[in-house]
Protein backbone atom coordinates (compact mmCIF):
# COMPACT_ATOMS: atom_id res chain seq x y z
CA UNK A 1 0.00 0.00 0.00
CA UNK A 2 1.45 3.36 -1.03
CA UNK A 3 0.61 6.73 0.47
CA UNK A 4 0.00 9.80 -1.61
CA UNK A 5 1.41 13.22 -0.83
CA UNK A 6 -2.03 14.26 0.33
CA UNK A 7 -2.15 11.45 2.88
CA UNK A 8 1.34 12.28 4.12
CA UNK A 9 0.51 15.98 4.48
CA UNK A 10 -2.67 15.09 6.34
CA UNK A 11 -0.75 12.86 8.71
CA UNK A 12 1.78 15.65 9.33
CA UNK A 13 -1.07 18.00 10.13
CA UNK A 14 -2.60 15.55 12.63
CA UNK A 15 0.62 14.55 14.44
CA UNK A 16 3.33 17.12 13.57
CA UNK A 17 5.65 16.00 16.40
CA UNK A 18 5.97 12.55 14.82
CA UNK A 19 7.63 14.09 11.76
CA UNK A 20 9.57 16.96 13.27
CA UNK A 21 11.04 17.75 16.67
CA UNK A 22 9.49 20.61 18.67
CA UNK A 23 10.86 24.10 18.14
CA UNK A 24 12.53 24.16 21.56
CA UNK A 25 14.34 20.90 20.86
CA UNK A 26 15.52 22.13 17.45
CA UNK A 27 16.73 25.40 18.95
CA UNK A 28 18.60 23.51 21.68
CA UNK A 29 20.28 21.27 19.11
CA UNK A 30 21.23 24.26 16.97
CA UNK A 31 22.68 26.04 20.01
CA UNK A 32 24.74 22.98 20.91
CA UNK A 33 26.10 22.66 17.37
CA UNK A 34 26.89 26.39 17.22
CA UNK A 35 28.67 26.16 20.58
CA UNK A 36 30.63 23.09 19.49
CA UNK A 37 31.70 24.64 16.18
CA UNK A 38 32.55 27.91 17.92
CA UNK A 39 34.71 26.12 20.52
CA UNK A 40 36.45 24.16 17.77
CA UNK A 41 37.23 27.32 15.80
CA UNK A 42 38.43 29.12 18.93
CA UNK A 43 40.82 26.25 19.73
CA UNK A 44 42.25 26.42 16.22
CA UNK A 45 42.78 30.17 16.60
CA UNK A 46 44.16 29.99 20.17
CA UNK A 47 46.65 27.26 19.25
CA UNK A 48 47.88 29.15 16.18
CA UNK A 49 46.76 26.47 13.77
CA UNK A 50 47.48 27.03 10.11
CA UNK A 51 47.95 24.75 7.07
CA UNK A 52 51.41 26.23 6.46
CA UNK A 53 52.53 25.42 10.00
CA UNK A 54 51.31 21.82 9.62
CA UNK A 55 53.07 21.51 6.26
CA UNK A 56 56.37 22.81 7.64
CA UNK A 57 56.06 20.58 10.71
CA UNK A 58 55.44 17.51 8.55
CA UNK A 59 58.58 18.33 6.58
CA UNK A 60 60.68 18.53 9.74
CA UNK A 61 59.06 15.33 11.02
CA UNK A 62 60.05 13.61 7.78
CA UNK A 63 63.67 14.70 8.33
CA UNK A 64 63.64 13.28 11.86
CA UNK A 65 62.17 9.98 10.66
CA UNK A 66 64.78 9.78 7.92
CA UNK A 67 67.50 9.94 10.59
CA UNK A 68 66.01 6.85 12.28
CA UNK A 69 66.61 4.55 9.33
CA UNK A 70 68.23 2.17 9.15
CA UNK A 71 67.69 1.20 12.82
CA UNK A 72 70.73 0.74 14.98
CA UNK A 73 71.96 -2.78 15.63
CA UNK A 74 74.09 -3.19 18.73
CA UNK A 75 77.35 -4.95 17.97
CA UNK A 76 78.45 -5.63 21.55
CA UNK A 77 76.79 -7.14 24.57
CA UNK A 78 77.67 -4.31 26.97
CA UNK A 79 75.57 -1.73 25.11
CA UNK A 80 72.71 -4.11 24.38
CA UNK A 81 72.59 -5.38 27.96
CA UNK A 82 72.10 -1.78 29.12
CA UNK A 83 69.01 -1.52 26.94
CA UNK A 84 67.69 -4.90 28.11
CA UNK A 85 68.23 -3.84 31.71
CA UNK A 86 66.20 -0.68 31.04
CA UNK A 87 63.37 -2.71 29.52
CA UNK A 88 63.39 -5.08 32.48
CA UNK A 89 63.39 -2.16 34.90
CA UNK A 90 60.40 -0.59 33.14
CA UNK A 91 58.56 -3.92 33.28
CA UNK A 92 59.34 -4.27 36.98
CA UNK A 93 58.17 -0.71 37.71
CA UNK A 94 54.86 -1.34 35.95
CA UNK A 95 54.37 -4.72 37.66
CA UNK A 96 55.15 -3.50 41.18
CA UNK A 97 53.13 -0.31 40.76
CA UNK A 98 50.11 -2.22 39.45
CA UNK A 99 50.37 -4.89 42.16
CA UNK A 100 50.71 -2.43 45.04
CA UNK A 101 47.89 -0.28 43.67
CA UNK A 102 45.57 -3.29 43.44
CA UNK A 103 46.44 -4.52 46.94
CA UNK A 104 45.56 -1.18 48.54
CA UNK A 105 42.63 -0.45 46.20
CA UNK A 106 40.59 -3.61 46.76
CA UNK A 107 39.70 -3.07 50.44
CA UNK A 108 39.10 0.62 49.75
CA UNK A 109 36.79 -0.27 46.84
CA UNK A 110 34.49 -2.11 49.25
CA UNK A 111 33.79 1.20 50.98
CA UNK A 112 32.54 2.70 47.72
CA UNK A 113 30.26 -0.17 46.68
CA UNK A 114 26.58 0.41 47.44
CA UNK A 115 25.80 -3.26 48.03
CA UNK A 116 28.66 -3.55 50.54
CA UNK A 117 28.66 -0.21 52.36
CA UNK A 118 25.17 0.93 53.37
CA UNK A 119 26.34 4.19 54.97
CA UNK A 120 25.77 6.90 52.36
CA UNK A 121 28.12 9.46 53.88
CA UNK A 122 31.00 7.01 54.20
CA UNK A 123 30.39 5.65 50.70
CA UNK A 124 30.28 9.08 49.10
CA UNK A 125 33.39 10.14 51.02
CA UNK A 126 35.22 7.10 49.68
CA UNK A 127 34.12 7.88 46.13
CA UNK A 128 35.27 11.48 46.40
CA UNK A 129 38.57 10.16 47.69
CA UNK A 130 38.92 8.11 44.50
CA UNK A 131 38.35 11.29 42.49
CA UNK A 132 40.98 13.22 44.44
CA UNK A 133 43.60 10.53 43.85
CA UNK A 134 42.77 10.25 40.14
CA UNK A 135 43.04 14.02 39.76
CA UNK A 136 46.83 13.75 40.07
CA UNK A 137 48.51 12.67 36.85
CA UNK A 138 51.08 9.90 37.16
CA UNK A 139 53.80 12.15 35.77
CA UNK A 140 53.10 14.80 38.44
CA UNK A 141 53.24 12.15 41.16
CA UNK A 142 56.55 10.91 39.76
CA UNK A 143 58.05 14.40 39.94
CA UNK A 144 56.87 14.72 43.56
CA UNK A 145 58.28 11.34 44.55
CA UNK A 146 61.56 12.03 42.74
CA UNK A 147 61.89 15.14 44.87
CA UNK A 148 61.22 13.08 48.01
CA UNK A 149 63.07 9.81 47.29
CA UNK A 150 65.57 10.76 44.59
CA UNK A 151 66.12 9.33 41.14
CA UNK A 152 65.54 5.68 40.32
CA UNK A 153 62.75 3.11 40.00
CA UNK A 154 61.23 3.70 43.47
CA UNK A 155 59.54 7.03 42.57
CA UNK A 156 58.12 5.42 39.43
CA UNK A 157 56.69 2.49 41.39
CA UNK A 158 55.12 4.78 43.97
CA UNK A 159 53.70 7.11 41.31
CA UNK A 160 52.01 4.27 39.45
CA UNK A 161 50.80 2.64 42.69
CA UNK A 162 49.21 5.81 44.07
CA UNK A 163 47.61 6.68 40.74
CA UNK A 164 46.23 3.16 40.36
CA UNK A 165 44.70 3.14 43.84
CA UNK A 166 42.18 5.75 42.71
CA UNK A 167 41.57 4.08 39.34
CA UNK A 168 41.31 0.53 40.66
CA UNK A 169 39.13 1.49 43.62
CA UNK A 170 36.63 3.20 41.32
CA UNK A 171 36.53 0.37 38.77
CA UNK A 172 36.44 -2.37 41.40
CA UNK A 173 33.60 -0.71 43.32
CA UNK A 174 31.55 -0.33 40.13
CA UNK A 175 32.17 -3.97 39.24
CA UNK A 176 31.09 -5.07 42.73
CA UNK A 177 27.89 -3.02 42.49
CA UNK A 178 26.97 -4.70 39.19
CA UNK A 179 27.00 -8.22 40.66
CA UNK A 180 23.83 -10.23 41.20
CA UNK A 181 22.43 -10.44 44.72
CA UNK A 182 21.05 -13.97 44.34
CA UNK A 183 24.31 -15.82 45.21
CA UNK A 184 24.68 -13.55 48.24
CA UNK A 185 21.16 -14.41 49.38
CA UNK A 186 21.97 -18.10 48.95
CA UNK A 187 25.06 -17.84 51.15
CA UNK A 188 23.09 -15.80 53.68
CA UNK A 189 20.26 -18.36 53.75
CA UNK A 190 22.84 -21.06 54.45
CA UNK A 191 23.95 -19.18 57.56
CA UNK A 192 27.02 -17.52 56.07
CA UNK A 193 28.51 -14.44 57.70
CA UNK A 194 28.86 -11.09 55.95
CA UNK A 195 32.48 -11.88 55.10
CA UNK A 196 31.46 -15.27 53.69
CA UNK A 197 28.76 -13.59 51.61
CA UNK A 198 31.42 -11.39 50.04
CA UNK A 199 33.87 -14.28 49.66
CA UNK A 200 31.50 -16.85 48.14
CA UNK A 201 28.68 -14.71 46.74
CA UNK A 202 30.34 -11.62 45.27
CA UNK A 203 33.99 -12.52 44.68
CA UNK A 204 33.36 -15.32 42.12
CA UNK A 205 31.28 -12.91 40.04
CA UNK A 206 33.69 -9.99 40.17
CA UNK A 207 37.06 -11.77 39.98
CA UNK A 208 37.10 -12.13 36.15
CA UNK A 209 36.30 -8.42 35.77
CA UNK A 210 39.01 -7.46 38.25
CA UNK A 211 41.50 -9.68 36.42
CA UNK A 212 40.71 -8.00 33.10
CA UNK A 213 41.12 -4.57 34.68
CA UNK A 214 44.46 -5.55 36.21
CA UNK A 215 45.84 -6.96 32.97
CA UNK A 216 44.75 -3.97 30.90
CA UNK A 217 46.14 -1.44 33.37
CA UNK A 218 49.40 -3.38 33.59
CA UNK A 219 49.79 -3.01 29.84
CA UNK A 220 49.02 0.70 30.14
CA UNK A 221 51.47 1.11 33.02
CA UNK A 222 54.27 -0.38 30.93
CA UNK A 223 53.81 2.53 28.54
CA UNK A 224 53.49 4.96 31.44
CA UNK A 225 56.70 3.57 32.91
CA UNK A 226 58.48 4.57 29.71
CA UNK A 227 57.35 8.18 30.12
CA UNK A 228 58.29 8.21 33.81
CA UNK A 229 61.81 7.17 32.92
CA UNK A 230 62.22 10.34 30.88
CA UNK A 231 61.80 12.49 34.02
CA UNK A 232 64.24 10.36 36.02
CA UNK A 233 62.05 7.60 37.47
CA UNK A 234 64.16 4.81 36.01
CA UNK A 235 63.52 2.39 33.19
CA UNK A 236 63.99 2.46 29.46
CA UNK A 237 62.62 5.99 29.19
CA UNK A 238 65.86 7.41 30.57
CA UNK A 239 67.90 5.70 27.86
CA UNK A 240 65.43 6.81 25.19
CA UNK A 241 65.58 10.42 26.37
CA UNK A 242 69.37 10.25 26.48
CA UNK A 243 69.58 9.00 22.87
CA UNK A 244 67.17 11.66 21.62
CA UNK A 245 69.08 14.41 23.45
CA UNK A 246 72.30 13.18 21.83
CA UNK A 247 70.62 13.11 18.38
CA UNK A 248 71.24 9.39 18.10
CA UNK A 249 67.99 8.89 16.23
CA UNK A 250 68.81 5.43 14.87
CA UNK A 251 69.38 4.13 18.43
CA UNK A 252 66.22 5.90 19.59
CA UNK A 253 64.21 4.11 16.89
CA UNK A 254 65.66 0.74 17.87
CA UNK A 255 64.70 1.38 21.50
CA UNK A 256 61.19 2.41 20.44
CA UNK A 257 60.91 -0.77 18.40
CA UNK A 258 61.91 -2.85 21.44
CA UNK A 259 59.32 -1.04 23.55
CA UNK A 260 56.64 -1.79 20.96
CA UNK A 261 57.71 -5.44 20.87
CA UNK A 262 57.56 -5.65 24.67
CA UNK A 263 54.06 -4.11 24.79
CA UNK A 264 52.91 -6.49 22.06
CA UNK A 265 54.28 -9.49 23.94
CA UNK A 266 52.56 -8.37 27.15
CA UNK A 267 49.28 -7.89 25.29
CA UNK A 268 49.57 -11.39 23.80
CA UNK A 269 50.36 -13.00 27.15
CA UNK A 270 47.54 -11.08 28.82
CA UNK A 271 45.14 -12.44 26.23
CA UNK A 272 46.31 -15.98 26.96
CA UNK A 273 45.85 -15.44 30.70
CA UNK A 274 42.36 -14.04 30.23
CA UNK A 275 41.44 -16.94 27.96
CA UNK A 276 42.87 -19.46 30.42
CA UNK A 277 41.13 -18.10 33.52
CA UNK A 278 37.98 -16.45 32.17
CA UNK A 279 37.45 -18.72 29.19
CA UNK A 280 37.17 -18.07 25.46
CA UNK A 281 34.04 -16.30 24.30
CA UNK A 282 32.22 -18.10 21.52
CA UNK A 283 29.83 -15.91 19.60
CA UNK A 284 28.07 -18.94 18.12
CA UNK A 285 26.76 -20.08 21.49
């Protein structure tokens, strides 16, 4: 059955809101788009954006990239072992920072979960505490800890750990809140204590989510550990910064390639761990 233009116009006259948004809604959408476009144009103007500047920058970037090829190949063990030691140090910084952050974050996350902590004031205070911790960038924390503890891996570990406490506590508490209450009721009906309800009713549901969060953030912290090394918090970042400062671009590219390879290997191993513990998802089922 086909409708004529007359039928369509009659339907529009009867129910105009079904064919067009109200005037207030259209004005609100137009205002939002105008504000978005205006903010975008202002940012371009404030940051001195111009096609010529981009073109010149791309030319200089091409020169830098040309210096990186061919990549440097270390011909003696002493120099290569220094790079491997930096990679291992970065890996250790990320691992220890992630582990310490998770250890301190888990009990704190229970305070922010609605189905665990029934006291609104205490729960909201815990959540605002997460926000305060996450407000400090890892790099800023590293600079503070370098000032307090000196150069080396320790400031990097502490910076990642403190930053991850806020992140993990928020993500863990949200994961705990999204669990089903039926297993908890079953444990409670069996005479289980509050601790046993958490241990046997909530933990089995939330553990796979927590594991995924830990593995992902560990991968992210490996990259963060590289940046922290540039400011003196140990790791491969210090060597990379040193090679760039000395204009040894071919060595810098080789180090970057090793960092990429390490991150790829960690991502692959994390996938195997997730598949082993959580199980492989089969879309056909």
